[in-house]
Amino acid sequence: IFKYQAENCKVYHDFITGLNINPGNINS
């Protein structure tokens, strides 16, 4: 669900991008 929302929820995507986090590196 995280990977889906990181891609499809614009607010969440922008928030993650602003933290300089790559969703592909999230494993836990």
mmCIF file of all heavy atoms, coordinates in Angstrom:
data_MODEL
# 
_entry.id   MODEL 
# 
loop_
_atom_site.group_PDB 
_atom_site.id 
_atom_site.type_symbol 
_atom_site.label_atom_id 
_atom_site.label_alt_id 
_atom_site.label_comp_id 
_atom_site.label_asym_id 
_atom_site.label_entity_id 
_atom_site.label_seq_id 
_atom_site.pdbx_PDB_ins_code 
_atom_site.Cartn_x 
_atom_site.Cartn_y 
_atom_site.Cartn_z 
_atom_site.occupancy 
_atom_site.B_iso_or_equiv 
_atom_site.pdbx_formal_charge 
_atom_site.auth_seq_id 
_atom_site.auth_comp_id 
_atom_site.auth_asym_id 
_atom_site.auth_atom_id 
_atom_site.pdbx_PDB_model_num 
ATOM 1   N N   . ILE A 1 1  ? 0.835  -1.201 0.000   1.00 0.00 ? 1  ILE A N   1 
ATOM 2   C CA  . ILE A 1 1  ? 0.000  0.000  0.000   1.00 0.00 ? 1  ILE A CA  1 
ATOM 3   C C   . ILE A 1 1  ? 0.872  1.253  0.000   1.00 0.00 ? 1  ILE A C   1 
ATOM 4   O O   . ILE A 1 1  ? 0.559  2.244  -0.678  1.00 0.00 ? 1  ILE A O   1 
ATOM 5   C CB  . ILE A 1 1  ? -0.967 -0.012 1.196   1.00 0.00 ? 1  ILE A CB  1 
ATOM 6   C CG1 . ILE A 1 1  ? -2.032 -1.104 0.989   1.00 0.00 ? 1  ILE A CG1 1 
ATOM 7   C CG2 . ILE A 1 1  ? -1.631 1.346  1.395   1.00 0.00 ? 1  ILE A CG2 1 
ATOM 8   C CD1 . ILE A 1 1  ? -2.991 -1.274 2.148   1.00 0.00 ? 1  ILE A CD1 1 
ATOM 9   N N   . PHE A 1 2  ? 1.985  1.208  0.730   1.00 0.00 ? 2  PHE A N   1 
ATOM 10  C CA  . PHE A 1 2  ? 2.896  2.357  0.730   1.00 0.00 ? 2  PHE A CA  1 
ATOM 11  C C   . PHE A 1 2  ? 3.376  2.674  -0.683  1.00 0.00 ? 2  PHE A C   1 
ATOM 12  O O   . PHE A 1 2  ? 3.328  3.832  -1.121  1.00 0.00 ? 2  PHE A O   1 
ATOM 13  C CB  . PHE A 1 2  ? 4.105  2.103  1.634   1.00 0.00 ? 2  PHE A CB  1 
ATOM 14  C CG  . PHE A 1 2  ? 5.222  3.077  1.372   1.00 0.00 ? 2  PHE A CG  1 
ATOM 15  C CD1 . PHE A 1 2  ? 5.104  4.412  1.768   1.00 0.00 ? 2  PHE A CD1 1 
ATOM 16  C CD2 . PHE A 1 2  ? 6.358  2.686  0.679   1.00 0.00 ? 2  PHE A CD2 1 
ATOM 17  C CE1 . PHE A 1 2  ? 6.109  5.325  1.481   1.00 0.00 ? 2  PHE A CE1 1 
ATOM 18  C CE2 . PHE A 1 2  ? 7.369  3.596  0.399   1.00 0.00 ? 2  PHE A CE2 1 
ATOM 19  C CZ  . PHE A 1 2  ? 7.242  4.920  0.804   1.00 0.00 ? 2  PHE A CZ  1 
ATOM 20  N N   . LYS A 1 3  ? 3.832  1.667  -1.391  1.00 0.00 ? 3  LYS A N   1 
ATOM 21  C CA  . LYS A 1 3  ? 4.354  1.903  -2.745  1.00 0.00 ? 3  LYS A CA  1 
ATOM 22  C C   . LYS A 1 3  ? 3.253  2.434  -3.669  1.00 0.00 ? 3  LYS A C   1 
ATOM 23  O O   . LYS A 1 3  ? 3.495  3.317  -4.497  1.00 0.00 ? 3  LYS A O   1 
ATOM 24  C CB  . LYS A 1 3  ? 4.981  0.624  -3.292  1.00 0.00 ? 3  LYS A CB  1 
ATOM 25  C CG  . LYS A 1 3  ? 6.313  0.276  -2.602  1.00 0.00 ? 3  LYS A CG  1 
ATOM 26  C CD  . LYS A 1 3  ? 6.967  -0.947 -3.191  1.00 0.00 ? 3  LYS A CD  1 
ATOM 27  C CE  . LYS A 1 3  ? 8.418  -1.078 -2.730  1.00 0.00 ? 3  LYS A CE  1 
ATOM 28  N NZ  . LYS A 1 3  ? 8.612  -1.059 -1.297  1.00 0.00 ? 3  LYS A NZ  1 
ATOM 29  N N   . TYR A 1 4  ? 2.041  1.919  -3.511  1.00 0.00 ? 4  TYR A N   1 
ATOM 30  C CA  . TYR A 1 4  ? 0.915  2.395  -4.310  1.00 0.00 ? 4  TYR A CA  1 
ATOM 31  C C   . TYR A 1 4  ? 0.605  3.866  -3.990  1.00 0.00 ? 4  TYR A C   1 
ATOM 32  O O   . TYR A 1 4  ? 0.435  4.695  -4.908  1.00 0.00 ? 4  TYR A O   1 
ATOM 33  C CB  . TYR A 1 4  ? -0.318 1.523  -4.037  1.00 0.00 ? 4  TYR A CB  1 
ATOM 34  C CG  . TYR A 1 4  ? -1.596 2.068  -4.612  1.00 0.00 ? 4  TYR A CG  1 
ATOM 35  C CD1 . TYR A 1 4  ? -1.862 1.983  -5.973  1.00 0.00 ? 4  TYR A CD1 1 
ATOM 36  C CD2 . TYR A 1 4  ? -2.533 2.696  -3.788  1.00 0.00 ? 4  TYR A CD2 1 
ATOM 37  C CE1 . TYR A 1 4  ? -3.043 2.501  -6.504  1.00 0.00 ? 4  TYR A CE1 1 
ATOM 38  C CE2 . TYR A 1 4  ? -3.707 3.215  -4.310  1.00 0.00 ? 4  TYR A CE2 1 
ATOM 39  C CZ  . TYR A 1 4  ? -3.960 3.117  -5.670  1.00 0.00 ? 4  TYR A CZ  1 
ATOM 40  O OH  . TYR A 1 4  ? -5.113 3.642  -6.188  1.00 0.00 ? 4  TYR A OH  1 
ATOM 41  N N   . GLN A 1 5  ? 0.547  4.203  -2.703  1.00 0.00 ? 5  GLN A N   1 
ATOM 42  C CA  . GLN A 1 5  ? 0.187  5.566  -2.325  1.00 0.00 ? 5  GLN A CA  1 
ATOM 43  C C   . GLN A 1 5  ? 1.312  6.560  -2.593  1.00 0.00 ? 5  GLN A C   1 
ATOM 44  O O   . GLN A 1 5  ? 1.055  7.718  -2.931  1.00 0.00 ? 5  GLN A O   1 
ATOM 45  C CB  . GLN A 1 5  ? -0.248 5.602  -0.856  1.00 0.00 ? 5  GLN A CB  1 
ATOM 46  C CG  . GLN A 1 5  ? -1.549 4.848  -0.623  1.00 0.00 ? 5  GLN A CG  1 
ATOM 47  C CD  . GLN A 1 5  ? -2.026 4.863  0.804   1.00 0.00 ? 5  GLN A CD  1 
ATOM 48  O OE1 . GLN A 1 5  ? -1.258 5.139  1.740   1.00 0.00 ? 5  GLN A OE1 1 
ATOM 49  N NE2 . GLN A 1 5  ? -3.300 4.566  1.019   1.00 0.00 ? 5  GLN A NE2 1 
ATOM 50  N N   . ALA A 1 6  ? 2.559  6.104  -2.476  1.00 0.00 ? 6  ALA A N   1 
ATOM 51  C CA  . ALA A 1 6  ? 3.691  6.972  -2.791  1.00 0.00 ? 6  ALA A CA  1 
ATOM 52  C C   . ALA A 1 6  ? 3.664  7.395  -4.251  1.00 0.00 ? 6  ALA A C   1 
ATOM 53  O O   . ALA A 1 6  ? 4.136  8.480  -4.617  1.00 0.00 ? 6  ALA A O   1 
ATOM 54  C CB  . ALA A 1 6  ? 5.002  6.254  -2.475  1.00 0.00 ? 6  ALA A CB  1 
ATOM 55  N N   . GLU A 1 7  ? 3.070  6.576  -5.077  1.00 0.00 ? 7  GLU A N   1 
ATOM 56  C CA  . GLU A 1 7  ? 2.983  6.873  -6.510  1.00 0.00 ? 7  GLU A CA  1 
ATOM 57  C C   . GLU A 1 7  ? 1.689  7.594  -6.874  1.00 0.00 ? 7  GLU A C   1 
ATOM 58  O O   . GLU A 1 7  ? 1.687  8.482  -7.737  1.00 0.00 ? 7  GLU A O   1 
ATOM 59  C CB  . GLU A 1 7  ? 3.080  5.573  -7.310  1.00 0.00 ? 7  GLU A CB  1 
ATOM 60  C CG  . GLU A 1 7  ? 3.056  5.763  -8.822  1.00 0.00 ? 7  GLU A CG  1 
ATOM 61  C CD  . GLU A 1 7  ? 3.240  4.468  -9.590  1.00 0.00 ? 7  GLU A CD  1 
ATOM 62  O OE1 . GLU A 1 7  ? 3.758  3.486  -8.996  1.00 0.00 ? 7  GLU A OE1 1 
ATOM 63  O OE2 . GLU A 1 7  ? 2.867  4.428  -10.773 1.00 0.00 ? 7  GLU A OE2 1 
ATOM 64  N N   . ASN A 1 8  ? 0.591  7.241  -6.205  1.00 0.00 ? 8  ASN A N   1 
ATOM 65  C CA  . ASN A 1 8  ? -0.727 7.716  -6.645  1.00 0.00 ? 8  ASN A CA  1 
ATOM 66  C C   . ASN A 1 8  ? -1.333 8.828  -5.802  1.00 0.00 ? 8  ASN A C   1 
ATOM 67  O O   . ASN A 1 8  ? -2.309 9.453  -6.236  1.00 0.00 ? 8  ASN A O   1 
ATOM 68  C CB  . ASN A 1 8  ? -1.698 6.540  -6.691  1.00 0.00 ? 8  ASN A CB  1 
ATOM 69  C CG  . ASN A 1 8  ? -1.352 5.560  -7.791  1.00 0.00 ? 8  ASN A CG  1 
ATOM 70  O OD1 . ASN A 1 8  ? -1.638 5.809  -8.959  1.00 0.00 ? 8  ASN A OD1 1 
ATOM 71  N ND2 . ASN A 1 8  ? -0.710 4.444  -7.436  1.00 0.00 ? 8  ASN A ND2 1 
ATOM 72  N N   . CYS A 1 9  ? -0.818 9.057  -4.609  1.00 0.00 ? 9  CYS A N   1 
ATOM 73  C CA  . CYS A 1 9  ? -1.321 10.157 -3.778  1.00 0.00 ? 9  CYS A CA  1 
ATOM 74  C C   . CYS A 1 9  ? -0.369 11.340 -3.936  1.00 0.00 ? 9  CYS A C   1 
ATOM 75  O O   . CYS A 1 9  ? 0.756  11.315 -3.426  1.00 0.00 ? 9  CYS A O   1 
ATOM 76  C CB  . CYS A 1 9  ? -1.406 9.736  -2.311  1.00 0.00 ? 9  CYS A CB  1 
ATOM 77  S SG  . CYS A 1 9  ? -1.987 11.051 -1.210  1.00 0.00 ? 9  CYS A SG  1 
ATOM 78  N N   . LYS A 1 10 ? -0.805 12.369 -4.662  1.00 0.00 ? 10 LYS A N   1 
ATOM 79  C CA  . LYS A 1 10 ? 0.093  13.483 -4.989  1.00 0.00 ? 10 LYS A CA  1 
ATOM 80  C C   . LYS A 1 10 ? 0.654  14.165 -3.740  1.00 0.00 ? 10 LYS A C   1 
ATOM 81  O O   . LYS A 1 10 ? 1.853  14.477 -3.666  1.00 0.00 ? 10 LYS A O   1 
ATOM 82  C CB  . LYS A 1 10 ? -0.628 14.513 -5.858  1.00 0.00 ? 10 LYS A CB  1 
ATOM 83  C CG  . LYS A 1 10 ? 0.304  15.634 -6.337  1.00 0.00 ? 10 LYS A CG  1 
ATOM 84  C CD  . LYS A 1 10 ? -0.403 16.644 -7.200  1.00 0.00 ? 10 LYS A CD  1 
ATOM 85  C CE  . LYS A 1 10 ? 0.577  17.674 -7.758  1.00 0.00 ? 10 LYS A CE  1 
ATOM 86  N NZ  . LYS A 1 10 ? 1.446  18.296 -6.754  1.00 0.00 ? 10 LYS A NZ  1 
ATOM 87  N N   . VAL A 1 11 ? -0.202 14.406 -2.763  1.00 0.00 ? 11 VAL A N   1 
ATOM 88  C CA  . VAL A 1 11 ? 0.259  15.065 -1.534  1.00 0.00 ? 11 VAL A CA  1 
ATOM 89  C C   . VAL A 1 11 ? 1.347  14.227 -0.859  1.00 0.00 ? 11 VAL A C   1 
ATOM 90  O O   . VAL A 1 11 ? 2.385  14.747 -0.445  1.00 0.00 ? 11 VAL A O   1 
ATOM 91  C CB  . VAL A 1 11 ? -0.923 15.276 -0.559  1.00 0.00 ? 11 VAL A CB  1 
ATOM 92  C CG1 . VAL A 1 11 ? -0.439 15.884 0.747   1.00 0.00 ? 11 VAL A CG1 1 
ATOM 93  C CG2 . VAL A 1 11 ? -1.984 16.148 -1.193  1.00 0.00 ? 11 VAL A CG2 1 
ATOM 94  N N   . TYR A 1 12 ? 1.100  12.942 -0.766  1.00 0.00 ? 12 TYR A N   1 
ATOM 95  C CA  . TYR A 1 12 ? 2.062  12.041 -0.111  1.00 0.00 ? 12 TYR A CA  1 
ATOM 96  C C   . TYR A 1 12 ? 3.334  11.933 -0.953  1.00 0.00 ? 12 TYR A C   1 
ATOM 97  O O   . TYR A 1 12 ? 4.445  11.953 -0.411  1.00 0.00 ? 12 TYR A O   1 
ATOM 98  C CB  . TYR A 1 12 ? 1.414  10.674 0.096   1.00 0.00 ? 12 TYR A CB  1 
ATOM 99  C CG  . TYR A 1 12 ? 2.157  9.747  1.020   1.00 0.00 ? 12 TYR A CG  1 
ATOM 100 C CD1 . TYR A 1 12 ? 2.812  10.204 2.155   1.00 0.00 ? 12 TYR A CD1 1 
ATOM 101 C CD2 . TYR A 1 12 ? 2.170  8.365  0.777   1.00 0.00 ? 12 TYR A CD2 1 
ATOM 102 C CE1 . TYR A 1 12 ? 3.471  9.341  3.012   1.00 0.00 ? 12 TYR A CE1 1 
ATOM 103 C CE2 . TYR A 1 12 ? 2.833  7.493  1.622   1.00 0.00 ? 12 TYR A CE2 1 
ATOM 104 C CZ  . TYR A 1 12 ? 3.477  7.983  2.736   1.00 0.00 ? 12 TYR A CZ  1 
ATOM 105 O OH  . TYR A 1 12 ? 4.134  7.112  3.577   1.00 0.00 ? 12 TYR A OH  1 
ATOM 106 N N   . HIS A 1 13 ? 3.169  11.831 -2.269  1.00 0.00 ? 13 HIS A N   1 
ATOM 107 C CA  . HIS A 1 13 ? 4.322  11.763 -3.170  1.00 0.00 ? 13 HIS A CA  1 
ATOM 108 C C   . HIS A 1 13 ? 5.216  12.995 -2.999  1.00 0.00 ? 13 HIS A C   1 
ATOM 109 O O   . HIS A 1 13 ? 6.442  12.883 -2.873  1.00 0.00 ? 13 HIS A O   1 
ATOM 110 C CB  . HIS A 1 13 ? 3.843  11.657 -4.622  1.00 0.00 ? 13 HIS A CB  1 
ATOM 111 C CG  . HIS A 1 13 ? 4.935  11.751 -5.629  1.00 0.00 ? 13 HIS A CG  1 
ATOM 112 N ND1 . HIS A 1 13 ? 5.712  10.669 -6.013  1.00 0.00 ? 13 HIS A ND1 1 
ATOM 113 C CD2 . HIS A 1 13 ? 5.422  12.818 -6.334  1.00 0.00 ? 13 HIS A CD2 1 
ATOM 114 C CE1 . HIS A 1 13 ? 6.603  11.057 -6.902  1.00 0.00 ? 13 HIS A CE1 1 
ATOM 115 N NE2 . HIS A 1 13 ? 6.448  12.356 -7.116  1.00 0.00 ? 13 HIS A NE2 1 
ATOM 116 N N   . ASP A 1 14 ? 4.589  14.170 -2.990  1.00 0.00 ? 14 ASP A N   1 
ATOM 117 C CA  . ASP A 1 14 ? 5.364  15.407 -2.842  1.00 0.00 ? 14 ASP A CA  1 
ATOM 118 C C   . ASP A 1 14 ? 6.033  15.484 -1.478  1.00 0.00 ? 14 ASP A C   1 
ATOM 119 O O   . ASP A 1 14 ? 7.161  15.986 -1.351  1.00 0.00 ? 14 ASP A O   1 
ATOM 120 C CB  . ASP A 1 14 ? 4.450  16.624 -3.053  1.00 0.00 ? 14 ASP A CB  1 
ATOM 121 C CG  . ASP A 1 14 ? 3.961  16.745 -4.491  1.00 0.00 ? 14 ASP A CG  1 
ATOM 122 O OD1 . ASP A 1 14 ? 4.493  16.033 -5.368  1.00 0.00 ? 14 ASP A OD1 1 
ATOM 123 O OD2 . ASP A 1 14 ? 3.034  17.553 -4.729  1.00 0.00 ? 14 ASP A OD2 1 
ATOM 124 N N   . PHE A 1 15 ? 5.340  15.012 -0.442  1.00 0.00 ? 15 PHE A N   1 
ATOM 125 C CA  . PHE A 1 15 ? 5.910  15.006 0.912   1.00 0.00 ? 15 PHE A CA  1 
ATOM 126 C C   . PHE A 1 15 ? 7.157  14.112 0.964   1.00 0.00 ? 15 PHE A C   1 
ATOM 127 O O   . PHE A 1 15 ? 8.205  14.511 1.498   1.00 0.00 ? 15 PHE A O   1 
ATOM 128 C CB  . PHE A 1 15 ? 4.853  14.516 1.902   1.00 0.00 ? 15 PHE A CB  1 
ATOM 129 C CG  . PHE A 1 15 ? 5.340  14.354 3.315   1.00 0.00 ? 15 PHE A CG  1 
ATOM 130 C CD1 . PHE A 1 15 ? 5.641  15.457 4.100   1.00 0.00 ? 15 PHE A CD1 1 
ATOM 131 C CD2 . PHE A 1 15 ? 5.487  13.087 3.880   1.00 0.00 ? 15 PHE A CD2 1 
ATOM 132 C CE1 . PHE A 1 15 ? 6.088  15.304 5.412   1.00 0.00 ? 15 PHE A CE1 1 
ATOM 133 C CE2 . PHE A 1 15 ? 5.934  12.928 5.182   1.00 0.00 ? 15 PHE A CE2 1 
ATOM 134 C CZ  . PHE A 1 15 ? 6.232  14.033 5.950   1.00 0.00 ? 15 PHE A CZ  1 
ATOM 135 N N   . ILE A 1 16 ? 7.043  12.929 0.393   1.00 0.00 ? 16 ILE A N   1 
ATOM 136 C CA  . ILE A 1 16 ? 8.170  11.989 0.378   1.00 0.00 ? 16 ILE A CA  1 
ATOM 137 C C   . ILE A 1 16 ? 9.334  12.563 -0.426  1.00 0.00 ? 16 ILE A C   1 
ATOM 138 O O   . ILE A 1 16 ? 10.502 12.485 -0.011  1.00 0.00 ? 16 ILE A O   1 
ATOM 139 C CB  . ILE A 1 16 ? 7.718  10.629 -0.206  1.00 0.00 ? 16 ILE A CB  1 
ATOM 140 C CG1 . ILE A 1 16 ? 6.710  9.963  0.733   1.00 0.00 ? 16 ILE A CG1 1 
ATOM 141 C CG2 . ILE A 1 16 ? 8.911  9.700  -0.438  1.00 0.00 ? 16 ILE A CG2 1 
ATOM 142 C CD1 . ILE A 1 16 ? 5.989  8.777  0.120   1.00 0.00 ? 16 ILE A CD1 1 
ATOM 143 N N   . THR A 1 17 ? 9.013  13.155 -1.573  1.00 0.00 ? 17 THR A N   1 
ATOM 144 C CA  . THR A 1 17 ? 10.049 13.770 -2.413  1.00 0.00 ? 17 THR A CA  1 
ATOM 145 C C   . THR A 1 17 ? 10.761 14.888 -1.654  1.00 0.00 ? 17 THR A C   1 
ATOM 146 O O   . THR A 1 17 ? 11.986 15.031 -1.727  1.00 0.00 ? 17 THR A O   1 
ATOM 147 C CB  . THR A 1 17 ? 9.427  14.333 -3.707  1.00 0.00 ? 17 THR A CB  1 
ATOM 148 O OG1 . THR A 1 17 ? 8.772  13.266 -4.409  1.00 0.00 ? 17 THR A OG1 1 
ATOM 149 C CG2 . THR A 1 17 ? 10.486 14.951 -4.603  1.00 0.00 ? 17 THR A CG2 1 
ATOM 150 N N   . GLY A 1 18 ? 9.970  15.678 -0.901  1.00 0.00 ? 18 GLY A N   1 
ATOM 151 C CA  . GLY A 1 18 ? 10.553 16.765 -0.125  1.00 0.00 ? 18 GLY A CA  1 
ATOM 152 C C   . GLY A 1 18 ? 11.503 16.278 0.956   1.00 0.00 ? 18 GLY A C   1 
ATOM 153 O O   . GLY A 1 18 ? 12.419 17.009 1.359   1.00 0.00 ? 18 GLY A O   1 
ATOM 154 N N   . LEU A 1 19 ? 11.288 15.052 1.410   1.00 0.00 ? 19 LEU A N   1 
ATOM 155 C CA  . LEU A 1 19 ? 12.193 14.461 2.411   1.00 0.00 ? 19 LEU A CA  1 
ATOM 156 C C   . LEU A 1 19 ? 13.411 13.810 1.750   1.00 0.00 ? 19 LEU A C   1 
ATOM 157 O O   . LEU A 1 19 ? 14.278 13.266 2.451   1.00 0.00 ? 19 LEU A O   1 
ATOM 158 C CB  . LEU A 1 19 ? 11.447 13.406 3.236   1.00 0.00 ? 19 LEU A CB  1 
ATOM 159 C CG  . LEU A 1 19 ? 10.321 13.909 4.156   1.00 0.00 ? 19 LEU A CG  1 
ATOM 160 C CD1 . LEU A 1 19 ? 9.578  12.736 4.787   1.00 0.00 ? 19 LEU A CD1 1 
ATOM 161 C CD2 . LEU A 1 19 ? 10.883 14.827 5.243   1.00 0.00 ? 19 LEU A CD2 1 
ATOM 162 N N   . ASN A 1 20 ? 13.425 13.862 0.407   1.00 0.00 ? 20 ASN A N   1 
ATOM 163 C CA  . ASN A 1 20 ? 14.520 13.247 -0.356  1.00 0.00 ? 20 ASN A CA  1 
ATOM 164 C C   . ASN A 1 20 ? 14.600 11.742 -0.104  1.00 0.00 ? 20 ASN A C   1 
ATOM 165 O O   . ASN A 1 20 ? 15.688 11.172 0.039   1.00 0.00 ? 20 ASN A O   1 
ATOM 166 C CB  . ASN A 1 20 ? 15.860 13.925 -0.026  1.00 0.00 ? 20 ASN A CB  1 
ATOM 167 C CG  . ASN A 1 20 ? 16.897 13.688 -1.108  1.00 0.00 ? 20 ASN A CG  1 
ATOM 168 O OD1 . ASN A 1 20 ? 16.552 13.485 -2.276  1.00 0.00 ? 20 ASN A OD1 1 
ATOM 169 N ND2 . ASN A 1 20 ? 18.165 13.679 -0.727  1.00 0.00 ? 20 ASN A ND2 1 
ATOM 170 N N   . ILE A 1 21 ? 13.412 11.116 -0.038  1.00 0.00 ? 21 ILE A N   1 
ATOM 171 C CA  . ILE A 1 21 ? 13.331 9.670  0.182   1.00 0.00 ? 21 ILE A CA  1 
ATOM 172 C C   . ILE A 1 21 ? 12.901 8.989  -1.111  1.00 0.00 ? 21 ILE A C   1 
ATOM 173 O O   . ILE A 1 21 ? 11.980 9.454  -1.791  1.00 0.00 ? 21 ILE A O   1 
ATOM 174 C CB  . ILE A 1 21 ? 12.330 9.354  1.308   1.00 0.00 ? 21 ILE A CB  1 
ATOM 175 C CG1 . ILE A 1 21 ? 12.887 9.820  2.662   1.00 0.00 ? 21 ILE A CG1 1 
ATOM 176 C CG2 . ILE A 1 21 ? 12.002 7.857  1.357   1.00 0.00 ? 21 ILE A CG2 1 
ATOM 177 C CD1 . ILE A 1 21 ? 11.905 9.683  3.816   1.00 0.00 ? 21 ILE A CD1 1 
ATOM 178 N N   . ASN A 1 22 ? 13.578 7.928  -1.467  1.00 0.00 ? 22 ASN A N   1 
ATOM 179 C CA  . ASN A 1 22 ? 13.228 7.130  -2.637  1.00 0.00 ? 22 ASN A CA  1 
ATOM 180 C C   . ASN A 1 22 ? 12.317 5.986  -2.184  1.00 0.00 ? 22 ASN A C   1 
ATOM 181 O O   . ASN A 1 22 ? 12.761 5.103  -1.445  1.00 0.00 ? 22 ASN A O   1 
ATOM 182 C CB  . ASN A 1 22 ? 14.490 6.573  -3.300  1.00 0.00 ? 22 ASN A CB  1 
ATOM 183 C CG  . ASN A 1 22 ? 14.188 5.731  -4.533  1.00 0.00 ? 22 ASN A CG  1 
ATOM 184 O OD1 . ASN A 1 22 ? 13.020 5.450  -4.843  1.00 0.00 ? 22 ASN A OD1 1 
ATOM 185 N ND2 . ASN A 1 22 ? 15.230 5.336  -5.246  1.00 0.00 ? 22 ASN A ND2 1 
ATOM 186 N N   . PRO A 1 23 ? 11.039 5.975  -2.600  1.00 0.00 ? 23 PRO A N   1 
ATOM 187 C CA  . PRO A 1 23 ? 10.125 4.915  -2.165  1.00 0.00 ? 23 PRO A CA  1 
ATOM 188 C C   . PRO A 1 23 ? 10.647 3.511  -2.468  1.00 0.00 ? 23 PRO A C   1 
ATOM 189 O O   . PRO A 1 23 ? 10.332 2.560  -1.737  1.00 0.00 ? 23 PRO A O   1 
ATOM 190 C CB  . PRO A 1 23 ? 8.844  5.206  -2.961  1.00 0.00 ? 23 PRO A CB  1 
ATOM 191 C CG  . PRO A 1 23 ? 8.895  6.659  -3.257  1.00 0.00 ? 23 PRO A CG  1 
ATOM 192 C CD  . PRO A 1 23 ? 10.357 6.964  -3.466  1.00 0.00 ? 23 PRO A CD  1 
ATOM 193 N N   . GLY A 1 24 ? 11.429 3.373  -3.515  1.00 0.00 ? 24 GLY A N   1 
ATOM 194 C CA  . GLY A 1 24 ? 11.985 2.067  -3.874  1.00 0.00 ? 24 GLY A CA  1 
ATOM 195 C C   . GLY A 1 24 ? 12.957 1.521  -2.843  1.00 0.00 ? 24 GLY A C   1 
ATOM 196 O O   . GLY A 1 24 ? 13.247 0.317  -2.834  1.00 0.00 ? 24 GLY A O   1 
ATOM 197 N N   . ASN A 1 25 ? 13.441 2.401  -1.968  1.00 0.00 ? 25 ASN A N   1 
ATOM 198 C CA  . ASN A 1 25 ? 14.397 1.963  -0.936  1.00 0.00 ? 25 ASN A CA  1 
ATOM 199 C C   . ASN A 1 25 ? 13.723 1.608  0.392   1.00 0.00 ? 25 ASN A C   1 
ATOM 200 O O   . ASN A 1 25 ? 14.403 1.256  1.353   1.00 0.00 ? 25 ASN A O   1 
ATOM 201 C CB  . ASN A 1 25 ? 15.437 3.054  -0.686  1.00 0.00 ? 25 ASN A CB  1 
ATOM 202 C CG  . ASN A 1 25 ? 16.324 3.298  -1.891  1.00 0.00 ? 25 ASN A CG  1 
ATOM 203 O OD1 . ASN A 1 25 ? 16.522 2.382  -2.715  1.00 0.00 ? 25 ASN A OD1 1 
ATOM 204 N ND2 . ASN A 1 25 ? 16.854 4.507  -2.031  1.00 0.00 ? 25 ASN A ND2 1 
ATOM 205 N N   . ILE A 1 26 ? 12.392 1.710  0.439   1.00 0.00 ? 26 ILE A N   1 
ATOM 206 C CA  . ILE A 1 26 ? 11.657 1.408  1.675   1.00 0.00 ? 26 ILE A CA  1 
ATOM 207 C C   . ILE A 1 26 ? 11.367 -0.093 1.716   1.00 0.00 ? 26 ILE A C   1 
ATOM 208 O O   . ILE A 1 26 ? 10.624 -0.621 0.889   1.00 0.00 ? 26 ILE A O   1 
ATOM 209 C CB  . ILE A 1 26 ? 10.342 2.205  1.746   1.00 0.00 ? 26 ILE A CB  1 
ATOM 210 C CG1 . ILE A 1 26 ? 10.610 3.708  1.673   1.00 0.00 ? 26 ILE A CG1 1 
ATOM 211 C CG2 . ILE A 1 26 ? 9.569  1.844  3.008   1.00 0.00 ? 26 ILE A CG2 1 
ATOM 212 C CD1 . ILE A 1 26 ? 11.376 4.280  2.829   1.00 0.00 ? 26 ILE A CD1 1 
ATOM 213 N N   . ASN A 1 27 ? 11.938 -0.767 2.690   1.00 0.00 ? 27 ASN A N   1 
ATOM 214 C CA  . ASN A 1 27 ? 11.790 -2.222 2.795   1.00 0.00 ? 27 ASN A CA  1 
ATOM 215 C C   . ASN A 1 27 ? 11.217 -2.681 4.129   1.00 0.00 ? 27 ASN A C   1 
ATOM 216 O O   . ASN A 1 27 ? 11.084 -3.883 4.366   1.00 0.00 ? 27 ASN A O   1 
ATOM 217 C CB  . ASN A 1 27 ? 13.144 -2.904 2.565   1.00 0.00 ? 27 ASN A CB  1 
ATOM 218 C CG  . ASN A 1 27 ? 13.711 -2.591 1.193   1.00 0.00 ? 27 ASN A CG  1 
ATOM 219 O OD1 . ASN A 1 27 ? 13.035 -2.799 0.181   1.00 0.00 ? 27 ASN A OD1 1 
ATOM 220 N ND2 . ASN A 1 27 ? 14.936 -2.071 1.149   1.00 0.00 ? 27 ASN A ND2 1 
ATOM 221 N N   . SER A 1 28 ? 10.905 -1.740 5.012   1.00 0.00 ? 28 SER A N   1 
ATOM 222 C CA  . SER A 1 28 ? 10.331 -2.101 6.314   1.00 0.00 ? 28 SER A CA  1 
ATOM 223 C C   . SER A 1 28 ? 9.381  -1.004 6.758   1.00 0.00 ? 28 SER A C   1 
ATOM 224 O O   . SER A 1 28 ? 9.472  0.147  6.293   1.00 0.00 ? 28 SER A O   1 
ATOM 225 C CB  . SER A 1 28 ? 11.424 -2.298 7.373   1.00 0.00 ? 28 SER A CB  1 
ATOM 226 O OG  . SER A 1 28 ? 11.997 -1.045 7.727   1.00 0.00 ? 28 SER A OG  1 
# 
